[in-house]
Amino acid sequence: MNIDGAWISSRRLGGVGLIVRDDSGGFLAVKAANFRDTSSPLLGEALAVKSAVIWAIFRGFHNIIFETDSLQIVEALRDPSINLSSIGQIIEDIEALRSSITEVCFTHTHRYANQAAHRLARFG
């Protein structure tokens, strides 16, 4: 699943774009949504990843690779220590939710490889 978050500072609005492909690269699903009271781009990215994990659980996905262009989010999810940053609680929520998925991996991808999810996030 490719994930991207977007942020409009003047409206304090965040967006999320998700694209799901199977192991052969075939298209399975897509989602765009928005979040109110989003105070930063990093918060928008964190909420996008949390939304993606919740959606994957709801859809019944069990073996999934989450790809995002936010290296900061991926590093936070890989760090076993307590996250005391502004997104720490969301990272903890994601960690708790991921246990509902049989096999899960969070990876970083470059923005150019995440363009479709980025466009969906801007739409959201």
PDB file of N, CA and C in Angstrom:
ATOM      1  N   MET A   1       0.849  -1.175   0.000  1.00  0.00           N
ATOM      2  CA  MET A   1       0.000   0.000   0.000  1.00  0.00           C
ATOM      3  C   MET A   1       0.890   1.232   0.000  1.00  0.00           C
ATOM      4  N   ASN A   2       0.706   2.085  -0.985  1.00  0.00           N
ATOM      5  CA  ASN A   2       1.396   3.373  -1.004  1.00  0.00           C
ATOM      6  C   ASN A   2       0.536   4.380  -0.250  1.00  0.00           C
ATOM      7  N   ILE A   3       1.176   5.154   0.600  1.00  0.00           N
ATOM      8  CA  ILE A   3       0.487   6.117   1.466  1.00  0.00           C
ATOM      9  C   ILE A   3       1.143   7.473   1.303  1.00  0.00           C
ATOM     10  N   ASP A   4       0.327   8.514   1.286  1.00  0.00           N
ATOM     11  CA  ASP A   4       0.890   9.856   1.364  1.00  0.00           C
ATOM     12  C   ASP A   4      -0.074  10.750   2.121  1.00  0.00           C
ATOM     13  N   GLY A   5       0.490  11.729   2.797  1.00  0.00           N
ATOM     14  CA  GLY A   5      -0.288  12.731   3.499  1.00  0.00           C
ATOM     15  C   GLY A   5      -0.053  14.087   2.857  1.00  0.00           C
ATOM     16  N   ALA A   6      -1.007  14.967   3.007  1.00  0.00           N
ATOM     17  CA  ALA A   6      -0.895  16.338   2.488  1.00  0.00           C
ATOM     18  C   ALA A   6      -1.370  17.286   3.583  1.00  0.00           C
ATOM     19  N   TRP A   7      -1.015  18.580   3.410  1.00  0.00           N
ATOM     20  CA  TRP A   7      -1.389  19.557   4.436  1.00  0.00           C
ATOM     21  C   TRP A   7      -1.604  20.911   3.807  1.00  0.00           C
ATOM     22  N   ILE A   8      -2.704  21.550   4.185  1.00  0.00           N
ATOM     23  CA  ILE A   8      -2.993  22.922   3.773  1.00  0.00           C
ATOM     24  C   ILE A   8      -2.970  23.763   5.041  1.00  0.00           C
ATOM     25  N   SER A   9      -1.900  24.528   5.211  1.00  0.00           N
ATOM     26  CA  SER A   9      -1.697  25.264   6.462  1.00  0.00           C
ATOM     27  C   SER A   9      -2.786  26.298   6.724  1.00  0.00           C
ATOM     28  N   SER A  10      -3.227  27.013   5.689  1.00  0.00           N
ATOM     29  CA  SER A  10      -4.212  28.072   5.880  1.00  0.00           C
ATOM     30  C   SER A  10      -5.559  27.546   6.369  1.00  0.00           C
ATOM     31  N   ARG A  11      -5.848  26.294   6.085  1.00  0.00           N
ATOM     32  CA  ARG A  11      -7.130  25.697   6.499  1.00  0.00           C
ATOM     33  C   ARG A  11      -6.962  24.661   7.613  1.00  0.00           C
ATOM     34  N   ARG A  12      -5.679  24.417   8.020  1.00  0.00           N
ATOM     35  CA  ARG A  12      -5.376  23.393   9.020  1.00  0.00           C
ATOM     36  C   ARG A  12      -6.031  22.065   8.644  1.00  0.00           C
ATOM     37  N   LEU A  13      -5.893  21.717   7.385  1.00  0.00           N
ATOM     38  CA  LEU A  13      -6.537  20.533   6.834  1.00  0.00           C
ATOM     39  C   LEU A  13      -5.472  19.565   6.324  1.00  0.00           C
ATOM     40  N   GLY A  14      -5.622  18.301   6.686  1.00  0.00           N
ATOM     41  CA  GLY A  14      -4.719  17.262   6.201  1.00  0.00           C
ATOM     42  C   GLY A  14      -5.465  16.325   5.278  1.00  0.00           C
ATOM     43  N   GLY A  15      -4.735  15.717   4.370  1.00  0.00           N
ATOM     44  CA  GLY A  15      -5.332  14.755   3.454  1.00  0.00           C
ATOM     45  C   GLY A  15      -4.535  13.473   3.442  1.00  0.00           C
ATOM     46  N   VAL A  16      -5.187  12.394   3.042  1.00  0.00           N
ATOM     47  CA  VAL A  16      -4.535  11.094   2.921  1.00  0.00           C
ATOM     48  C   VAL A  16      -4.888  10.483   1.571  1.00  0.00           C
ATOM     49  N   GLY A  17      -3.906   9.851   0.962  1.00  0.00           N
ATOM     50  CA  GLY A  17      -4.117   9.097  -0.261  1.00  0.00           C
ATOM     51  C   GLY A  17      -3.530   7.709  -0.093  1.00  0.00           C
ATOM     52  N   LEU A  18      -4.299   6.690  -0.447  1.00  0.00           N
ATOM     53  CA  LEU A  18      -3.859   5.298  -0.325  1.00  0.00           C
ATOM     54  C   LEU A  18      -4.086   4.573  -1.640  1.00  0.00           C
ATOM     55  N   ILE A  19      -3.115   3.789  -2.053  1.00  0.00           N
ATOM     56  CA  ILE A  19      -3.263   2.946  -3.230  1.00  0.00           C
ATOM     57  C   ILE A  19      -2.786   1.548  -2.853  1.00  0.00           C
ATOM     58  N   VAL A  20      -3.637   0.566  -3.109  1.00  0.00           N
ATOM     59  CA  VAL A  20      -3.313  -0.821  -2.773  1.00  0.00           C
ATOM     60  C   VAL A  20      -3.125  -1.606  -4.059  1.00  0.00           C
ATOM     61  N   ARG A  21      -1.999  -2.321  -4.106  1.00  0.00           N
ATOM     62  CA  ARG A  21      -1.704  -3.208  -5.234  1.00  0.00           C
ATOM     63  C   ARG A  21      -1.413  -4.606  -4.696  1.00  0.00           C
ATOM     64  N   ASP A  22      -1.641  -5.602  -5.531  1.00  0.00           N
ATOM     65  CA  ASP A  22      -1.313  -6.965  -5.122  1.00  0.00           C
ATOM     66  C   ASP A  22       0.178  -7.224  -5.344  1.00  0.00           C
ATOM     67  N   ASP A  23       0.623  -8.437  -5.058  1.00  0.00           N
ATOM     68  CA  ASP A  23       2.049  -8.749  -5.152  1.00  0.00           C
ATOM     69  C   ASP A  23       2.579  -8.741  -6.579  1.00  0.00           C
ATOM     70  N   SER A  24       1.686  -8.673  -7.560  1.00  0.00           N
ATOM     71  CA  SER A  24       2.100  -8.558  -8.961  1.00  0.00           C
ATOM     72  C   SER A  24       2.042  -7.120  -9.467  1.00  0.00           C
ATOM     73  N   GLY A  25       1.633  -6.199  -8.608  1.00  0.00           N
ATOM     74  CA  GLY A  25       1.519  -4.795  -8.990  1.00  0.00           C
ATOM     75  C   GLY A  25       0.151  -4.414  -9.518  1.00  0.00           C
ATOM     76  N   GLY A  26      -0.780  -5.375  -9.524  1.00  0.00           N
ATOM     77  CA  GLY A  26      -2.138  -5.097  -9.995  1.00  0.00           C
ATOM     78  C   GLY A  26      -2.920  -4.262  -9.001  1.00  0.00           C
ATOM     79  N   PHE A  27      -3.707  -3.345  -9.510  1.00  0.00           N
ATOM     80  CA  PHE A  27      -4.511  -2.429  -8.699  1.00  0.00           C
ATOM     81  C   PHE A  27      -5.610  -3.184  -7.949  1.00  0.00           C
ATOM     82  N   LEU A  28      -5.755  -2.898  -6.644  1.00  0.00           N
ATOM     83  CA  LEU A  28      -6.817  -3.491  -5.833  1.00  0.00           C
ATOM     84  C   LEU A  28      -7.806  -2.460  -5.303  1.00  0.00           C
ATOM     85  N   ALA A  29      -7.291  -1.353  -4.769  1.00  0.00           N
ATOM     86  CA  ALA A  29      -8.180  -0.377  -4.136  1.00  0.00           C
ATOM     87  C   ALA A  29      -7.476   0.971  -4.016  1.00  0.00           C
ATOM     88  N   VAL A  30      -8.293   2.005  -3.766  1.00  0.00           N
ATOM     89  CA  VAL A  30      -7.784   3.362  -3.602  1.00  0.00           C
ATOM     90  C   VAL A  30      -8.679   4.089  -2.595  1.00  0.00           C
ATOM     91  N   LYS A  31      -8.082   5.052  -1.883  1.00  0.00           N
ATOM     92  CA  LYS A  31      -8.867   5.838  -0.930  1.00  0.00           C
ATOM     93  C   LYS A  31      -8.261   7.234  -0.818  1.00  0.00           C
ATOM     94  N   ALA A  32      -9.126   8.230  -0.689  1.00  0.00           N
ATOM     95  CA  ALA A  32      -8.717   9.604  -0.390  1.00  0.00           C
ATOM     96  C   ALA A  32      -9.640  10.111   0.706  1.00  0.00           C
ATOM     97  N   ALA A  33      -9.081  10.811   1.665  1.00  0.00           N
ATOM     98  CA  ALA A  33      -9.878  11.351   2.777  1.00  0.00           C
ATOM     99  C   ALA A  33      -9.166  12.577   3.326  1.00  0.00           C
ATOM    100  N   ASN A  34      -9.818  13.256   4.288  1.00  0.00           N
ATOM    101  CA  ASN A  34      -9.169  14.407   4.909  1.00  0.00           C
ATOM    102  C   ASN A  34      -9.350  14.392   6.414  1.00  0.00           C
ATOM    103  N   PHE A  35      -8.523  15.211   7.085  1.00  0.00           N
ATOM    104  CA  PHE A  35      -8.521  15.347   8.541  1.00  0.00           C
ATOM    105  C   PHE A  35      -8.592  16.827   8.883  1.00  0.00           C
ATOM    106  N   ARG A  36      -9.405  17.172   9.837  1.00  0.00           N
ATOM    107  CA  ARG A  36      -9.482  18.557  10.315  1.00  0.00           C
ATOM    108  C   ARG A  36      -8.450  18.787  11.421  1.00  0.00           C
ATOM    109  N   ASP A  37      -8.178  20.054  11.693  1.00  0.00           N
ATOM    110  CA  ASP A  37      -7.269  20.459  12.770  1.00  0.00           C
ATOM    111  C   ASP A  37      -5.910  19.776  12.694  1.00  0.00           C
ATOM    112  N   THR A  38      -5.339  19.757  11.504  1.00  0.00           N
ATOM    113  CA  THR A  38      -4.003  19.199  11.303  1.00  0.00           C
ATOM    114  C   THR A  38      -3.014  20.359  11.346  1.00  0.00           C
ATOM    115  N   SER A  39      -2.104  20.314  12.309  1.00  0.00           N
ATOM    116  CA  SER A  39      -1.255  21.470  12.582  1.00  0.00           C
ATOM    117  C   SER A  39       0.097  21.476  11.880  1.00  0.00           C
ATOM    118  N   SER A  40       0.452  20.378  11.201  1.00  0.00           N
ATOM    119  CA  SER A  40       1.754  20.346  10.543  1.00  0.00           C
ATOM    120  C   SER A  40       1.775  19.274   9.460  1.00  0.00           C
ATOM    121  N   PRO A  41       2.735  19.376   8.548  1.00  0.00           N
ATOM    122  CA  PRO A  41       2.862  18.332   7.530  1.00  0.00           C
ATOM    123  C   PRO A  41       3.190  16.968   8.140  1.00  0.00           C
ATOM    124  N   LEU A  42       4.020  16.956   9.184  1.00  0.00           N
ATOM    125  CA  LEU A  42       4.371  15.694   9.839  1.00  0.00           C
ATOM    126  C   LEU A  42       3.142  15.040  10.472  1.00  0.00           C
ATOM    127  N   LEU A  43       2.290  15.849  11.088  1.00  0.00           N
ATOM    128  CA  LEU A  43       1.058  15.306  11.658  1.00  0.00           C
ATOM    129  C   LEU A  43       0.178  14.736  10.553  1.00  0.00           C
ATOM    130  N   GLY A  44       0.109  15.409   9.413  1.00  0.00           N
ATOM    131  CA  GLY A  44      -0.663  14.899   8.286  1.00  0.00           C
ATOM    132  C   GLY A  44      -0.141  13.557   7.811  1.00  0.00           C
ATOM    133  N   GLU A  45       1.182  13.396   7.740  1.00  0.00           N
ATOM    134  CA  GLU A  45       1.782  12.124   7.333  1.00  0.00           C
ATOM    135  C   GLU A  45       1.476  11.028   8.356  1.00  0.00           C
ATOM    136  N   ALA A  46       1.595  11.352   9.640  1.00  0.00           N
ATOM    137  CA  ALA A  46       1.323  10.363  10.690  1.00  0.00           C
ATOM    138  C   ALA A  46      -0.135   9.915  10.665  1.00  0.00           C
ATOM    139  N   LEU A  47      -1.048  10.871  10.518  1.00  0.00           N
ATOM    140  CA  LEU A  47      -2.468  10.521  10.446  1.00  0.00           C
ATOM    141  C   LEU A  47      -2.774   9.699   9.200  1.00  0.00           C
ATOM    142  N   ALA A  48      -2.069   9.964   8.116  1.00  0.00           N
ATOM    143  CA  ALA A  48      -2.262   9.187   6.887  1.00  0.00           C
ATOM    144  C   ALA A  48      -1.863   7.728   7.115  1.00  0.00           C
ATOM    145  N   VAL A  49      -0.734   7.505   7.768  1.00  0.00           N
ATOM    146  CA  VAL A  49      -0.286   6.131   8.032  1.00  0.00           C
ATOM    147  C   VAL A  49      -1.249   5.433   8.991  1.00  0.00           C
ATOM    148  N   LYS A  50      -1.681   6.129  10.025  1.00  0.00           N
ATOM    149  CA  LYS A  50      -2.643   5.528  10.956  1.00  0.00           C
ATOM    150  C   LYS A  50      -3.933   5.163  10.223  1.00  0.00           C
ATOM    151  N   SER A  51      -4.411   6.050   9.380  1.00  0.00           N
ATOM    152  CA  SER A  51      -5.616   5.791   8.595  1.00  0.00           C
ATOM    153  C   SER A  51      -5.424   4.568   7.692  1.00  0.00           C
ATOM    154  N   ALA A  52      -4.240   4.444   7.106  1.00  0.00           N
ATOM    155  CA  ALA A  52      -3.946   3.310   6.228  1.00  0.00           C
ATOM    156  C   ALA A  52      -3.981   1.986   6.992  1.00  0.00           C
ATOM    157  N   VAL A  53      -3.413   1.982   8.183  1.00  0.00           N
ATOM    158  CA  VAL A  53      -3.401   0.752   8.985  1.00  0.00           C
ATOM    159  C   VAL A  53      -4.821   0.376   9.385  1.00  0.00           C
ATOM    160  N   ILE A  54      -5.606   1.346   9.817  1.00  0.00           N
ATOM    161  CA  ILE A  54      -7.006   1.074  10.183  1.00  0.00           C
ATOM    162  C   ILE A  54      -7.774   0.540   8.981  1.00  0.00           C
ATOM    163  N   TRP A  55      -7.566   1.150   7.834  1.00  0.00           N
ATOM    164  CA  TRP A  55      -8.272   0.726   6.621  1.00  0.00           C
ATOM    165  C   TRP A  55      -7.854  -0.687   6.215  1.00  0.00           C
ATOM    166  N   ALA A  56      -6.558  -1.001   6.340  1.00  0.00           N
ATOM    167  CA  ALA A  56      -6.070  -2.349   6.009  1.00  0.00           C
ATOM    168  C   ALA A  56      -6.707  -3.400   6.918  1.00  0.00           C
ATOM    169  N   ILE A  57      -6.837  -3.079   8.195  1.00  0.00           N
ATOM    170  CA  ILE A  57      -7.489  -3.993   9.139  1.00  0.00           C
ATOM    171  C   ILE A  57      -8.949  -4.182   8.756  1.00  0.00           C
ATOM    172  N   PHE A  58      -9.632  -3.085   8.481  1.00  0.00           N
ATOM    173  CA  PHE A  58     -11.048  -3.131   8.092  1.00  0.00           C
ATOM    174  C   PHE A  58     -11.255  -3.954   6.830  1.00  0.00           C
ATOM    175  N   ARG A  59     -10.334  -3.827   5.879  1.00  0.00           N
ATOM    176  CA  ARG A  59     -10.436  -4.562   4.607  1.00  0.00           C
ATOM    177  C   ARG A  59      -9.974  -6.011   4.721  1.00  0.00           C
ATOM    178  N   GLY A  60      -9.399  -6.386   5.847  1.00  0.00           N
ATOM    179  CA  GLY A  60      -8.981  -7.773   6.057  1.00  0.00           C
ATOM    180  C   GLY A  60      -7.636  -8.136   5.459  1.00  0.00           C
ATOM    181  N   PHE A  61      -6.777  -7.154   5.215  1.00  0.00           N
ATOM    182  CA  PHE A  61      -5.443  -7.442   4.698  1.00  0.00           C
ATOM    183  C   PHE A  61      -4.592  -8.040   5.825  1.00  0.00           C
ATOM    184  N   HIS A  62      -3.844  -9.092   5.490  1.00  0.00           N
ATOM    185  CA  HIS A  62      -3.047  -9.762   6.521  1.00  0.00           C
ATOM    186  C   HIS A  62      -1.543  -9.700   6.290  1.00  0.00           C
ATOM    187  N   ASN A  63      -1.105  -9.642   5.072  1.00  0.00           N
ATOM    188  CA  ASN A  63       0.322  -9.527   4.741  1.00  0.00           C
ATOM    189  C   ASN A  63       0.478  -8.286   3.878  1.00  0.00           C
ATOM    190  N   ILE A  64       1.049  -7.233   4.457  1.00  0.00           N
ATOM    191  CA  ILE A  64       1.046  -5.964   3.739  1.00  0.00           C
ATOM    192  C   ILE A  64       2.333  -5.174   3.977  1.00  0.00           C
ATOM    193  N   ILE A  65       2.766  -4.521   2.932  1.00  0.00           N
ATOM    194  CA  ILE A  65       3.899  -3.596   3.007  1.00  0.00           C
ATOM    195  C   ILE A  65       3.331  -2.194   2.834  1.00  0.00           C
ATOM    196  N   PHE A  66       3.567  -1.339   3.818  1.00  0.00           N
ATOM    197  CA  PHE A  66       3.145   0.052   3.753  1.00  0.00           C
ATOM    198  C   PHE A  66       4.339   0.874   3.271  1.00  0.00           C
ATOM    199  N   GLU A  67       4.163   1.618   2.192  1.00  0.00           N
ATOM    200  CA  GLU A  67       5.226   2.464   1.665  1.00  0.00           C
ATOM    201  C   GLU A  67       4.805   3.920   1.767  1.00  0.00           C
ATOM    202  N   THR A  68       5.674   4.747   2.338  1.00  0.00           N
ATOM    203  CA  THR A  68       5.419   6.173   2.460  1.00  0.00           C
ATOM    204  C   THR A  68       6.686   6.938   2.110  1.00  0.00           C
ATOM    205  N   ASP A  69       6.516   8.166   1.671  1.00  0.00           N
ATOM    206  CA  ASP A  69       7.701   8.978   1.372  1.00  0.00           C
ATOM    207  C   ASP A  69       8.148   9.786   2.592  1.00  0.00           C
ATOM    208  N   SER A  70       7.557   9.520   3.745  1.00  0.00           N
ATOM    209  CA  SER A  70       7.949  10.198   4.971  1.00  0.00           C
ATOM    210  C   SER A  70       8.950   9.332   5.741  1.00  0.00           C
ATOM    211  N   LEU A  71      10.229   9.600   5.536  1.00  0.00           N
ATOM    212  CA  LEU A  71      11.279   8.850   6.221  1.00  0.00           C
ATOM    213  C   LEU A  71      11.169   9.026   7.738  1.00  0.00           C
ATOM    214  N   GLN A  72      10.761  10.194   8.181  1.00  0.00           N
ATOM    215  CA  GLN A  72      10.642  10.463   9.613  1.00  0.00           C
ATOM    216  C   GLN A  72       9.612   9.537  10.260  1.00  0.00           C
ATOM    217  N   ILE A  73       8.506   9.265   9.573  1.00  0.00           N
ATOM    218  CA  ILE A  73       7.477   8.369  10.107  1.00  0.00           C
ATOM    219  C   ILE A  73       8.004   6.937  10.143  1.00  0.00           C
ATOM    220  N   VAL A  74       8.649   6.489   9.060  1.00  0.00           N
ATOM    221  CA  VAL A  74       9.185   5.125   9.008  1.00  0.00           C
ATOM    222  C   VAL A  74      10.217   4.922  10.119  1.00  0.00           C
ATOM    223  N   GLU A  75      11.098   5.881  10.309  1.00  0.00           N
ATOM    224  CA  GLU A  75      12.103   5.765  11.365  1.00  0.00           C
ATOM    225  C   GLU A  75      11.459   5.728  12.746  1.00  0.00           C
ATOM    226  N   ALA A  76      10.420   6.535  12.949  1.00  0.00           N
ATOM    227  CA  ALA A  76       9.723   6.535  14.241  1.00  0.00           C
ATOM    228  C   ALA A  76       9.073   5.175  14.508  1.00  0.00           C
ATOM    229  N   LEU A  77       8.530   4.549  13.463  1.00  0.00           N
ATOM    230  CA  LEU A  77       7.889   3.243  13.622  1.00  0.00           C
ATOM    231  C   LEU A  77       8.903   2.121  13.840  1.00  0.00           C
ATOM    232  N   ARG A  78      10.115   2.313  13.404  1.00  0.00           N
ATOM    233  CA  ARG A  78      11.167   1.304  13.594  1.00  0.00           C
ATOM    234  C   ARG A  78      11.901   1.474  14.921  1.00  0.00           C
ATOM    235  N   ASP A  79      11.772   2.622  15.539  1.00  0.00           N
ATOM    236  CA  ASP A  79      12.475   2.916  16.796  1.00  0.00           C
ATOM    237  C   ASP A  79      11.701   2.320  17.972  1.00  0.00           C
ATOM    238  N   PRO A  80      12.312   1.417  18.731  1.00  0.00           N
ATOM    239  CA  PRO A  80      11.582   0.773  19.832  1.00  0.00           C
ATOM    240  C   PRO A  80      11.391   1.660  21.066  1.00  0.00           C
ATOM    241  N   SER A  81      12.076   2.798  21.127  1.00  0.00           N
ATOM    242  CA  SER A  81      11.935   3.657  22.299  1.00  0.00           C
ATOM    243  C   SER A  81      10.628   4.460  22.245  1.00  0.00           C
ATOM    244  N   ILE A  82      10.253   5.010  23.370  1.00  0.00           N
ATOM    245  CA  ILE A  82       9.037   5.818  23.454  1.00  0.00           C
ATOM    246  C   ILE A  82       9.251   7.110  22.684  1.00  0.00           C
ATOM    247  N   ASN A  83       8.284   7.459  21.863  1.00  0.00           N
ATOM    248  CA  ASN A  83       8.375   8.660  21.036  1.00  0.00           C
ATOM    249  C   ASN A  83       7.726   9.817  21.792  1.00  0.00           C
ATOM    250  N   LEU A  84       8.524  10.792  22.167  1.00  0.00           N
ATOM    251  CA  LEU A  84       8.028  11.935  22.937  1.00  0.00           C
ATOM    252  C   LEU A  84       7.752  13.157  22.056  1.00  0.00           C
ATOM    253  N   SER A  85       7.766  12.970  20.749  1.00  0.00           N
ATOM    254  CA  SER A  85       7.537  14.086  19.839  1.00  0.00           C
ATOM    255  C   SER A  85       6.051  14.411  19.745  1.00  0.00           C
ATOM    256  N   SER A  86       5.728  15.380  18.912  1.00  0.00           N
ATOM    257  CA  SER A  86       4.338  15.801  18.739  1.00  0.00           C
ATOM    258  C   SER A  86       3.467  14.717  18.103  1.00  0.00           C
ATOM    259  N   ILE A  87       4.095  13.728  17.471  1.00  0.00           N
ATOM    260  CA  ILE A  87       3.329  12.639  16.850  1.00  0.00           C
ATOM    261  C   ILE A  87       3.457  11.331  17.638  1.00  0.00           C
ATOM    262  N   GLY A  88       4.057  11.403  18.809  1.00  0.00           N
ATOM    263  CA  GLY A  88       4.321  10.209  19.611  1.00  0.00           C
ATOM    264  C   GLY A  88       3.094   9.359  19.887  1.00  0.00           C
ATOM    265  N   GLN A  89       1.986   9.982  20.233  1.00  0.00           N
ATOM    266  CA  GLN A  89       0.770   9.221  20.537  1.00  0.00           C
ATOM    267  C   GLN A  89       0.240   8.511  19.291  1.00  0.00           C
ATOM    268  N   ILE A  90       0.344   9.162  18.158  1.00  0.00           N
ATOM    269  CA  ILE A  90      -0.121   8.535  16.909  1.00  0.00           C
ATOM    270  C   ILE A  90       0.777   7.350  16.558  1.00  0.00           C
ATOM    271  N   ILE A  91       2.082   7.487  16.757  1.00  0.00           N
ATOM    272  CA  ILE A  91       3.007   6.374  16.515  1.00  0.00           C
ATOM    273  C   ILE A  91       2.651   5.208  17.433  1.00  0.00           C
ATOM    274  N   GLU A  92       2.362   5.475  18.690  1.00  0.00           N
ATOM    275  CA  GLU A  92       1.946   4.416  19.620  1.00  0.00           C
ATOM    276  C   GLU A  92       0.648   3.760  19.156  1.00  0.00           C
ATOM    277  N   ASP A  93      -0.296   4.560  18.668  1.00  0.00           N
ATOM    278  CA  ASP A  93      -1.553   4.009  18.144  1.00  0.00           C
ATOM    279  C   ASP A  93      -1.282   3.069  16.969  1.00  0.00           C
ATOM    280  N   ILE A  94      -0.413   3.490  16.060  1.00  0.00           N
ATOM    281  CA  ILE A  94      -0.077   2.666  14.900  1.00  0.00           C
ATOM    282  C   ILE A  94       0.556   1.357  15.360  1.00  0.00           C
ATOM    283  N   GLU A  95       1.467   1.436  16.309  1.00  0.00           N
ATOM    284  CA  GLU A  95       2.117   0.234  16.842  1.00  0.00           C
ATOM    285  C   GLU A  95       1.087  -0.730  17.431  1.00  0.00           C
ATOM    286  N   ALA A  96       0.129  -0.215  18.174  1.00  0.00           N
ATOM    287  CA  ALA A  96      -0.902  -1.069  18.765  1.00  0.00           C
ATOM    288  C   ALA A  96      -1.783  -1.693  17.682  1.00  0.00           C
ATOM    289  N   LEU A  97      -2.126  -0.910  16.670  1.00  0.00           N
ATOM    290  CA  LEU A  97      -2.989  -1.400  15.591  1.00  0.00           C
ATOM    291  C   LEU A  97      -2.299  -2.448  14.719  1.00  0.00           C
ATOM    292  N   ARG A  98      -1.014  -2.280  14.498  1.00  0.00           N
ATOM    293  CA  ARG A  98      -0.312  -3.186  13.585  1.00  0.00           C
ATOM    294  C   ARG A  98      -0.299  -4.623  14.074  1.00  0.00           C
ATOM    295  N   SER A  99      -0.513  -4.841  15.350  1.00  0.00           N
ATOM    296  CA  SER A  99      -0.548  -6.208  15.872  1.00  0.00           C
ATOM    297  C   SER A  99      -1.771  -6.980  15.376  1.00  0.00           C
ATOM    298  N   SER A 100      -2.750  -6.275  14.805  1.00  0.00           N
ATOM    299  CA  SER A 100      -3.937  -6.922  14.243  1.00  0.00           C
ATOM    300  C   SER A 100      -3.695  -7.450  12.835  1.00  0.00           C
ATOM    301  N   ILE A 101      -2.538  -7.162  12.269  1.00  0.00           N
ATOM    302  CA  ILE A 101      -2.192  -7.603  10.918  1.00  0.00           C
ATOM    303  C   ILE A 101      -1.112  -8.675  11.049  1.00  0.00           C
ATOM    304  N   THR A 102      -1.307  -9.797  10.357  1.00  0.00           N
ATOM    305  CA  THR A 102      -0.397 -10.933  10.484  1.00  0.00           C
ATOM    306  C   THR A 102       1.049 -10.558  10.184  1.00  0.00           C
ATOM    307  N   GLU A 103       1.297  -9.997   9.036  1.00  0.00           N
ATOM    308  CA  GLU A 103       2.650  -9.615   8.654  1.00  0.00           C
ATOM    309  C   GLU A 103       2.615  -8.208   8.078  1.00  0.00           C
ATOM    310  N   VAL A 104       3.395  -7.317   8.667  1.00  0.00           N
ATOM    311  CA  VAL A 104       3.367  -5.909   8.252  1.00  0.00           C
ATOM    312  C   VAL A 104       4.793  -5.360   8.220  1.00  0.00           C
ATOM    313  N   CYS A 105       5.037  -4.493   7.253  1.00  0.00           N
ATOM    314  CA  CYS A 105       6.340  -3.852   7.103  1.00  0.00           C
ATOM    315  C   CYS A 105       6.112  -2.409   6.674  1.00  0.00           C
ATOM    316  N   PHE A 106       6.847  -1.483   7.264  1.00  0.00           N
ATOM    317  CA  PHE A 106       6.792  -0.073   6.875  1.00  0.00           C
ATOM    318  C   PHE A 106       8.105   0.267   6.181  1.00  0.00           C
ATOM    319  N   THR A 107       8.011   0.778   4.955  1.00  0.00           N
ATOM    320  CA  THR A 107       9.214   1.123   4.208  1.00  0.00           C
ATOM    321  C   THR A 107       9.115   2.541   3.666  1.00  0.00           C
ATOM    322  N   HIS A 108      10.282   3.100   3.419  1.00  0.00           N
ATOM    323  CA  HIS A 108      10.363   4.431   2.824  1.00  0.00           C
ATOM    324  C   HIS A 108      10.495   4.283   1.311  1.00  0.00           C
ATOM    325  N   THR A 109       9.799   5.116   0.587  1.00  0.00           N
ATOM    326  CA  THR A 109       9.942   5.187  -0.861  1.00  0.00           C
ATOM    327  C   THR A 109      10.131   6.649  -1.240  1.00  0.00           C
ATOM    328  N   HIS A 110      10.750   6.891  -2.347  1.00  0.00           N
ATOM    329  CA  HIS A 110      10.976   8.272  -2.770  1.00  0.00           C
ATOM    330  C   HIS A 110       9.685   8.886  -3.311  1.00  0.00           C
ATOM    331  N   ARG A 111       9.602  10.195  -3.220  1.00  0.00           N
ATOM    332  CA  ARG A 111       8.392  10.908  -3.639  1.00  0.00           C
ATOM    333  C   ARG A 111       8.007  10.597  -5.083  1.00  0.00           C
ATOM    334  N   TYR A 112       8.989  10.505  -5.970  1.00  0.00           N
ATOM    335  CA  TYR A 112       8.665  10.244  -7.376  1.00  0.00           C
ATOM    336  C   TYR A 112       8.008   8.870  -7.559  1.00  0.00           C
ATOM    337  N   ALA A 113       8.265   7.943  -6.650  1.00  0.00           N
ATOM    338  CA  ALA A 113       7.645   6.618  -6.729  1.00  0.00           C
ATOM    339  C   ALA A 113       6.284   6.594  -6.035  1.00  0.00           C
ATOM    340  N   ASN A 114       5.916   7.696  -5.415  1.00  0.00           N
ATOM    341  CA  ASN A 114       4.679   7.765  -4.629  1.00  0.00           C
ATOM    342  C   ASN A 114       3.727   8.831  -5.186  1.00  0.00           C
ATOM    343  N   GLN A 115       3.887   9.198  -6.436  1.00  0.00           N
ATOM    344  CA  GLN A 115       3.121  10.300  -7.025  1.00  0.00           C
ATOM    345  C   GLN A 115       1.616  10.067  -7.020  1.00  0.00           C
ATOM    346  N   ALA A 116       1.177   8.852  -7.312  1.00  0.00           N
ATOM    347  CA  ALA A 116      -0.267   8.602  -7.360  1.00  0.00           C
ATOM    348  C   ALA A 116      -0.893   8.795  -5.981  1.00  0.00           C
ATOM    349  N   ALA A 117      -0.248   8.280  -4.936  1.00  0.00           N
ATOM    350  CA  ALA A 117      -0.765   8.476  -3.576  1.00  0.00           C
ATOM    351  C   ALA A 117      -0.719   9.952  -3.198  1.00  0.00           C
ATOM    352  N   HIS A 118       0.311  10.662  -3.639  1.00  0.00           N
ATOM    353  CA  HIS A 118       0.421  12.091  -3.360  1.00  0.00           C
ATOM    354  C   HIS A 118      -0.751  12.873  -3.989  1.00  0.00           C
ATOM    355  N   ARG A 119      -1.062  12.539  -5.225  1.00  0.00           N
ATOM    356  CA  ARG A 119      -2.197  13.227  -5.887  1.00  0.00           C
ATOM    357  C   ARG A 119      -3.514  12.949  -5.170  1.00  0.00           C
ATOM    358  N   LEU A 120      -3.687  11.710  -4.709  1.00  0.00           N
ATOM    359  CA  LEU A 120      -4.902  11.373  -3.951  1.00  0.00           C
ATOM    360  C   LEU A 120      -4.946  12.148  -2.626  1.00  0.00           C
ATOM    361  N   ALA A 121      -3.816  12.268  -1.973  1.00  0.00           N
ATOM    362  CA  ALA A 121      -3.762  13.011  -0.707  1.00  0.00           C
ATOM    363  C   ALA A 121      -4.118  14.472  -0.922  1.00  0.00           C
ATOM    364  N   ARG A 122      -3.599  15.069  -1.990  1.00  0.00           N
ATOM    365  CA  ARG A 122      -3.951  16.468  -2.302  1.00  0.00           C
ATOM    366  C   ARG A 122      -5.438  16.590  -2.614  1.00  0.00           C
ATOM    367  N   PHE A 123      -5.989  15.593  -3.294  1.00  0.00           N
ATOM    368  CA  PHE A 123      -7.424  15.589  -3.581  1.00  0.00           C
ATOM    369  C   PHE A 123      -8.226  15.505  -2.288  1.00  0.00           C
ATOM    370  N   GLY A 124      -7.772  14.624  -1.385  1.00  0.00           N
ATOM    371  CA  GLY A 124      -8.470  14.461  -0.097  1.00  0.00           C
ATOM    372  C   GLY A 124      -8.442  15.731   0.700  1.00  0.00           C
TER     373      GLY A 124
END
